[in-house]
Amino acid sequence: MGDPQPPLARVEELRDRWGLSLGAPYPAGAGGYAAPAELADGTPAVLKLIHPHREAEHEADALVRWDGDGAVRLLARTDDGLAVLLERCEPGTPLSAAGPETALGVLTGLLPRLWVPAGPPFRTLADEAGWWVSYLAEEWEAAGRPFERALLDAAIEALSALAPTQGEQVLLHQDLHGDNVLAATREPWLAIDPKPLAGEREFAVAPIVRSAELGHSRRAVLGRLDRLTSELGLDRERARGWTIGQTVAWAVGGPPEHVEAARWLLGS
């Protein structure tokens, strides 16, 4: 999904539009092209060109809604939202480097700050769950049945049951993990790269619970589920179901640790 080499003319157009000095691009990632920048007054920033894909829709709108509270600030955007100028996190060290205990504490503290009321224009969790259900079995077959049918069925069942029975709808960062939170100066840690959805809070713990960088064992995965749901006052069974559902939906072609985490959750 990455777009590491956008047309040079596009980068130059944005440089001129926003009066930027640009540095060498950051290593290419799934989210698109990004490079350090400076505004004319010397303010550090990041120019990001977002590769169009479903999960990145309304990234700029999410940053506007958070308004810098626990997340990077949006400084400017194009009308289509596919190019953004962002606050630069300095020193920019990823939270994953801080150690599992520190990282989990930071993520637990960030989540409630990101749970602002949400509605249009964000895609709903119910719609996303329905989309996953629509293709999961076919994708699983096409990939050569990479994991047991029981796990696939459990994911489809969870997604189908949870989607229409949700609680209050808030803004969710569906890929909040240790590499999407960076050390900064305005705050110690700021979230980046939202993949926004509007849905219930229980879904938000999924990327943290399965995060292998925080410890990859049955005990570690279930421990994160228990701690997050207890400290944040969430329904454990709904959080478990959402984590199984999204993790399996993202597991085909993904890291094997995702499948293992889903198995441990299913057996808990």
Protein backbone atom coordinates (compact mmCIF):
# COMPACT_ATOMS: atom_id res chain seq x y z
CA MET A 1 0.00 0.00 0.00
CA GLY A 2 3.00 2.30 0.22
CA ASP A 3 3.73 5.10 -2.20
CA PRO A 4 7.43 5.79 -1.60
CA GLN A 5 8.03 7.63 -4.90
CA PRO A 6 5.33 10.24 -5.49
CA PRO A 7 5.69 12.42 -8.60
CA LEU A 8 8.43 14.97 -8.01
CA ALA A 9 6.13 17.67 -9.37
CA ARG A 10 3.62 16.97 -6.59
CA VAL A 11 6.24 17.30 -3.88
CA GLU A 12 7.53 20.53 -5.43
CA GLU A 13 3.99 21.90 -5.71
CA LEU A 14 3.36 21.30 -2.00
CA ARG A 15 6.78 22.67 -1.06
CA ASP A 16 5.99 25.89 -2.87
CA ARG A 17 2.39 26.08 -1.66
CA TRP A 18 3.35 25.85 1.99
CA GLY A 19 6.72 27.58 1.76
CA LEU A 20 8.73 24.59 2.94
CA SER A 21 12.34 23.54 3.11
CA LEU A 22 12.43 19.76 2.75
CA GLY A 23 14.88 17.16 3.99
CA ALA A 24 15.49 13.62 2.77
CA PRO A 25 12.37 11.44 2.96
CA TYR A 26 11.88 9.07 5.86
CA PRO A 27 12.09 5.33 5.05
CA ALA A 28 9.05 4.31 3.04
CA GLY A 29 6.13 2.91 4.99
CA ALA A 30 2.61 1.68 4.33
CA GLY A 31 1.11 5.10 5.01
CA GLY A 32 2.80 6.89 2.11
CA TYR A 33 5.61 9.39 1.52
CA ALA A 34 6.85 11.51 4.43
CA ALA A 35 9.76 13.94 4.75
CA PRO A 36 10.96 16.36 7.42
CA ALA A 37 10.20 19.96 6.59
CA GLU A 38 10.61 23.46 7.94
CA LEU A 39 8.19 26.32 7.53
CA ALA A 40 9.45 29.72 6.46
CA ASP A 41 9.63 30.79 10.12
CA GLY A 42 11.76 27.76 11.02
CA THR A 43 8.94 25.72 12.59
CA PRO A 44 9.73 22.00 12.21
CA ALA A 45 7.08 19.96 10.43
CA VAL A 46 6.53 16.81 8.39
CA LEU A 47 5.16 16.71 4.86
CA LYS A 48 3.13 13.56 4.30
CA LEU A 49 1.55 12.31 1.09
CA ILE A 50 -1.03 9.67 1.93
CA HIS A 51 -1.39 6.76 -0.44
CA PRO A 52 -5.16 6.42 -1.02
CA HIS A 53 -6.55 3.33 0.64
CA ARG A 54 -9.57 2.45 2.73
CA GLU A 55 -7.97 2.57 6.17
CA ALA A 56 -6.40 6.01 5.62
CA GLU A 57 -9.63 7.72 4.65
CA HIS A 58 -10.22 10.87 6.72
CA GLU A 59 -6.82 10.77 8.44
CA ALA A 60 -6.69 14.57 8.30
CA ASP A 61 -10.22 14.82 9.71
CA ALA A 62 -9.23 12.65 12.67
CA LEU A 63 -6.27 14.91 13.45
CA VAL A 64 -8.54 17.94 13.27
CA ARG A 65 -10.97 16.29 15.69
CA TRP A 66 -8.20 15.47 18.18
CA ASP A 67 -6.71 18.97 17.84
CA GLY A 68 -3.35 17.92 19.26
CA ASP A 69 -4.76 16.27 22.39
CA GLY A 70 -2.64 13.11 22.52
CA ALA A 71 -1.92 13.18 18.79
CA VAL A 72 0.19 15.21 16.38
CA ARG A 73 -1.31 18.50 15.25
CA LEU A 74 -2.41 19.06 11.69
CA LEU A 75 -0.84 22.26 10.37
CA ALA A 76 -2.26 22.24 6.83
CA ARG A 77 -4.00 19.92 4.38
CA THR A 78 -5.07 19.74 0.77
CA ASP A 79 -8.78 19.71 -0.03
CA ASP A 80 -8.73 15.97 -0.72
CA GLY A 81 -6.84 15.23 2.50
CA LEU A 82 -4.20 13.21 0.67
CA ALA A 83 -1.40 15.63 1.50
CA VAL A 84 -0.91 16.97 5.02
CA LEU A 85 1.57 19.09 6.88
CA LEU A 86 2.05 17.81 10.40
CA GLU A 87 3.68 18.84 13.65
CA ARG A 88 7.06 17.11 13.85
CA CYS A 89 7.70 14.88 16.85
CA GLU A 90 11.17 15.43 18.27
CA PRO A 91 13.15 13.37 19.11
CA GLY A 92 10.62 11.05 17.44
CA THR A 93 11.68 7.85 19.20
CA PRO A 94 8.94 5.22 18.84
CA LEU A 95 7.15 4.14 22.01
CA SER A 96 8.04 0.54 21.18
CA ALA A 97 11.62 1.36 22.24
CA ALA A 98 10.52 2.31 25.76
CA GLY A 99 9.88 -1.25 26.94
CA PRO A 100 6.61 -3.19 27.28
CA GLU A 101 5.58 -1.93 30.72
CA THR A 102 6.16 1.74 29.93
CA ALA A 103 4.57 1.42 26.49
CA LEU A 104 1.44 -0.24 27.83
CA GLY A 105 1.05 2.44 30.46
CA VAL A 106 1.37 5.21 27.87
CA LEU A 107 -1.13 3.56 25.52
CA THR A 108 -3.60 3.05 28.35
CA GLY A 109 -3.36 6.74 29.15
CA LEU A 110 -3.71 7.87 25.53
CA LEU A 111 -6.83 5.90 24.65
CA PRO A 112 -9.39 7.90 26.68
CA ARG A 113 -8.02 11.16 25.27
CA LEU A 114 -8.57 9.93 21.73
CA TRP A 115 -12.14 8.77 22.41
CA VAL A 116 -13.87 11.96 21.33
CA PRO A 117 -17.44 11.87 19.97
CA ALA A 118 -17.47 10.71 16.36
CA GLY A 119 -19.89 10.55 13.47
CA PRO A 120 -19.57 11.66 9.83
CA PRO A 121 -17.33 11.78 7.88
CA PHE A 122 -15.72 8.75 9.50
CA ARG A 123 -16.41 5.23 8.30
CA THR A 124 -18.25 3.25 10.96
CA LEU A 125 -16.92 0.19 12.75
CA ALA A 126 -20.18 -1.57 11.85
CA ASP A 127 -19.53 -0.99 8.14
CA GLU A 128 -15.91 -2.08 8.47
CA ALA A 129 -16.87 -5.26 10.33
CA GLY A 130 -19.42 -6.06 7.62
CA TRP A 131 -16.77 -5.56 4.95
CA TRP A 132 -14.37 -7.93 6.73
CA VAL A 133 -17.09 -10.57 7.01
CA SER A 134 -17.91 -10.21 3.31
CA TYR A 135 -14.47 -11.29 2.12
CA LEU A 136 -12.79 -13.21 4.94
CA ALA A 137 -13.82 -16.76 3.97
CA GLU A 138 -12.96 -16.23 0.31
CA GLU A 139 -9.59 -14.67 1.16
CA TRP A 140 -8.84 -17.52 3.57
CA GLU A 141 -9.56 -20.09 0.84
CA ALA A 142 -7.51 -18.21 -1.76
CA ALA A 143 -4.55 -18.08 0.63
CA GLY A 144 -4.55 -21.86 1.01
CA ARG A 145 -6.35 -21.99 4.38
CA PRO A 146 -3.40 -20.59 6.36
CA PHE A 147 -5.03 -21.27 9.74
CA GLU A 148 -7.77 -23.47 11.12
CA ARG A 149 -11.39 -22.99 10.06
CA ALA A 150 -12.47 -22.71 13.70
CA LEU A 151 -10.51 -19.48 14.07
CA LEU A 152 -12.01 -18.03 10.91
CA ASP A 153 -15.52 -18.95 12.04
CA ALA A 154 -14.94 -17.42 15.48
CA ALA A 155 -13.83 -14.14 13.90
CA ILE A 156 -16.83 -13.98 11.57
CA GLU A 157 -19.19 -14.83 14.43
CA ALA A 158 -17.69 -12.15 16.69
CA LEU A 159 -17.78 -9.44 14.03
CA SER A 160 -21.35 -10.30 13.04
CA ALA A 161 -22.62 -10.30 16.63
CA LEU A 162 -20.76 -7.25 17.93
CA ALA A 163 -21.31 -4.80 15.06
CA PRO A 164 -25.06 -4.20 15.59
CA THR A 165 -24.92 -4.14 19.41
CA GLN A 166 -22.36 -1.40 20.08
CA GLY A 167 -22.34 1.25 22.73
CA GLU A 168 -21.50 4.94 22.35
CA GLN A 169 -19.68 5.81 19.13
CA VAL A 170 -16.31 7.51 19.57
CA LEU A 171 -13.33 8.17 17.35
CA LEU A 172 -11.05 5.13 17.18
CA HIS A 173 -7.43 4.77 16.05
CA GLN A 174 -7.59 1.22 14.76
CA ASP A 175 -3.82 0.80 14.48
CA LEU A 176 -2.60 2.30 17.75
CA HIS A 177 0.60 0.48 18.73
CA GLY A 178 4.12 1.27 19.83
CA ASP A 179 5.43 2.34 16.43
CA ASN A 180 2.53 4.75 15.90
CA VAL A 181 3.28 6.75 19.04
CA LEU A 182 6.39 8.96 19.04
CA ALA A 183 8.36 10.87 21.66
CA ALA A 184 7.78 14.61 21.36
CA THR A 185 8.49 17.89 23.11
CA ARG A 186 5.00 19.38 23.37
CA GLU A 187 3.92 16.19 25.16
CA PRO A 188 6.04 13.18 26.10
CA TRP A 189 4.23 10.96 23.57
CA LEU A 190 1.96 11.69 20.60
CA ALA A 191 -0.04 9.33 18.37
CA ILE A 192 0.49 9.42 14.61
CA ASP A 193 -0.96 7.73 11.51
CA PRO A 194 -4.60 7.35 12.51
CA LYS A 195 -6.71 4.80 10.68
CA PRO A 196 -9.94 6.29 11.93
CA LEU A 197 -13.26 4.61 12.56
CA ALA A 198 -16.35 5.59 14.53
CA GLY A 199 -17.26 2.81 16.92
CA GLU A 200 -17.41 1.63 20.51
CA ARG A 201 -14.47 1.88 22.90
CA GLU A 202 -13.99 -1.88 23.32
CA PHE A 203 -12.66 -2.16 19.77
CA ALA A 204 -9.81 0.26 20.47
CA VAL A 205 -7.72 -2.18 22.51
CA ALA A 206 -7.36 -4.71 19.67
CA PRO A 207 -4.04 -3.50 18.19
CA ILE A 208 -2.53 -3.20 21.67
CA VAL A 209 -3.66 -6.60 22.91
CA ARG A 210 -2.16 -8.41 19.90
CA SER A 211 1.01 -6.28 19.74
CA ALA A 212 3.96 -8.68 19.73
CA GLU A 213 6.35 -5.82 20.54
CA LEU A 214 4.75 -5.66 24.01
CA GLY A 215 5.45 -9.35 24.66
CA HIS A 216 4.34 -12.33 22.63
CA SER A 217 3.01 -15.16 24.75
CA ARG A 218 -0.41 -16.33 25.89
CA ARG A 219 0.21 -14.81 29.29
CA ALA A 220 1.28 -11.46 27.84
CA VAL A 221 -1.65 -11.20 25.41
CA LEU A 222 -4.28 -12.12 27.99
CA GLY A 223 -2.57 -9.92 30.57
CA ARG A 224 -2.87 -6.90 28.28
CA LEU A 225 -6.53 -7.66 27.65
CA ASP A 226 -7.22 -7.92 31.37
CA ARG A 227 -5.28 -4.78 32.28
CA LEU A 228 -6.72 -2.60 29.54
CA THR A 229 -10.32 -3.62 30.11
CA SER A 230 -10.00 -3.33 33.89
CA GLU A 231 -8.25 0.04 33.98
CA LEU A 232 -10.43 1.57 31.25
CA GLY A 233 -13.73 0.12 32.47
CA LEU A 234 -14.42 -1.86 29.29
CA ASP A 235 -16.44 -5.01 28.69
CA ARG A 236 -13.79 -7.74 28.53
CA GLU A 237 -15.77 -10.14 26.35
CA ARG A 238 -16.64 -7.52 23.77
CA ALA A 239 -13.01 -6.36 23.69
CA ARG A 240 -11.87 -9.96 23.29
CA GLY A 241 -14.34 -10.55 20.45
CA TRP A 242 -13.35 -7.41 18.59
CA THR A 243 -9.67 -8.28 18.96
CA ILE A 244 -10.21 -11.77 17.55
CA GLY A 245 -12.29 -10.35 14.69
CA GLN A 246 -9.95 -7.58 13.57
CA THR A 247 -6.81 -9.63 14.18
CA VAL A 248 -8.03 -12.47 11.97
CA ALA A 249 -9.26 -9.98 9.36
CA TRP A 250 -5.73 -8.57 9.17
CA ALA A 251 -3.97 -11.93 9.57
CA VAL A 252 -4.08 -13.32 6.02
CA GLY A 253 -0.73 -12.33 4.58
CA GLY A 254 0.21 -10.71 7.86
CA PRO A 255 2.64 -11.75 10.59
CA PRO A 256 2.13 -15.20 12.12
CA GLU A 257 2.06 -13.60 15.56
CA HIS A 258 -1.41 -12.26 14.73
CA VAL A 259 -2.79 -15.76 14.28
CA GLU A 260 -1.15 -16.96 17.48
CA ALA A 261 -2.59 -14.05 19.46
CA ALA A 262 -6.07 -14.76 18.11
CA ARG A 263 -5.75 -18.43 19.09
CA TRP A 264 -4.80 -17.53 22.65
CA LEU A 265 -7.74 -15.15 22.89
CA LEU A 266 -10.15 -17.70 21.49
CA GLY A 267 -9.07 -20.23 24.09
CA SER A 268 -9.25 -17.80 27.02
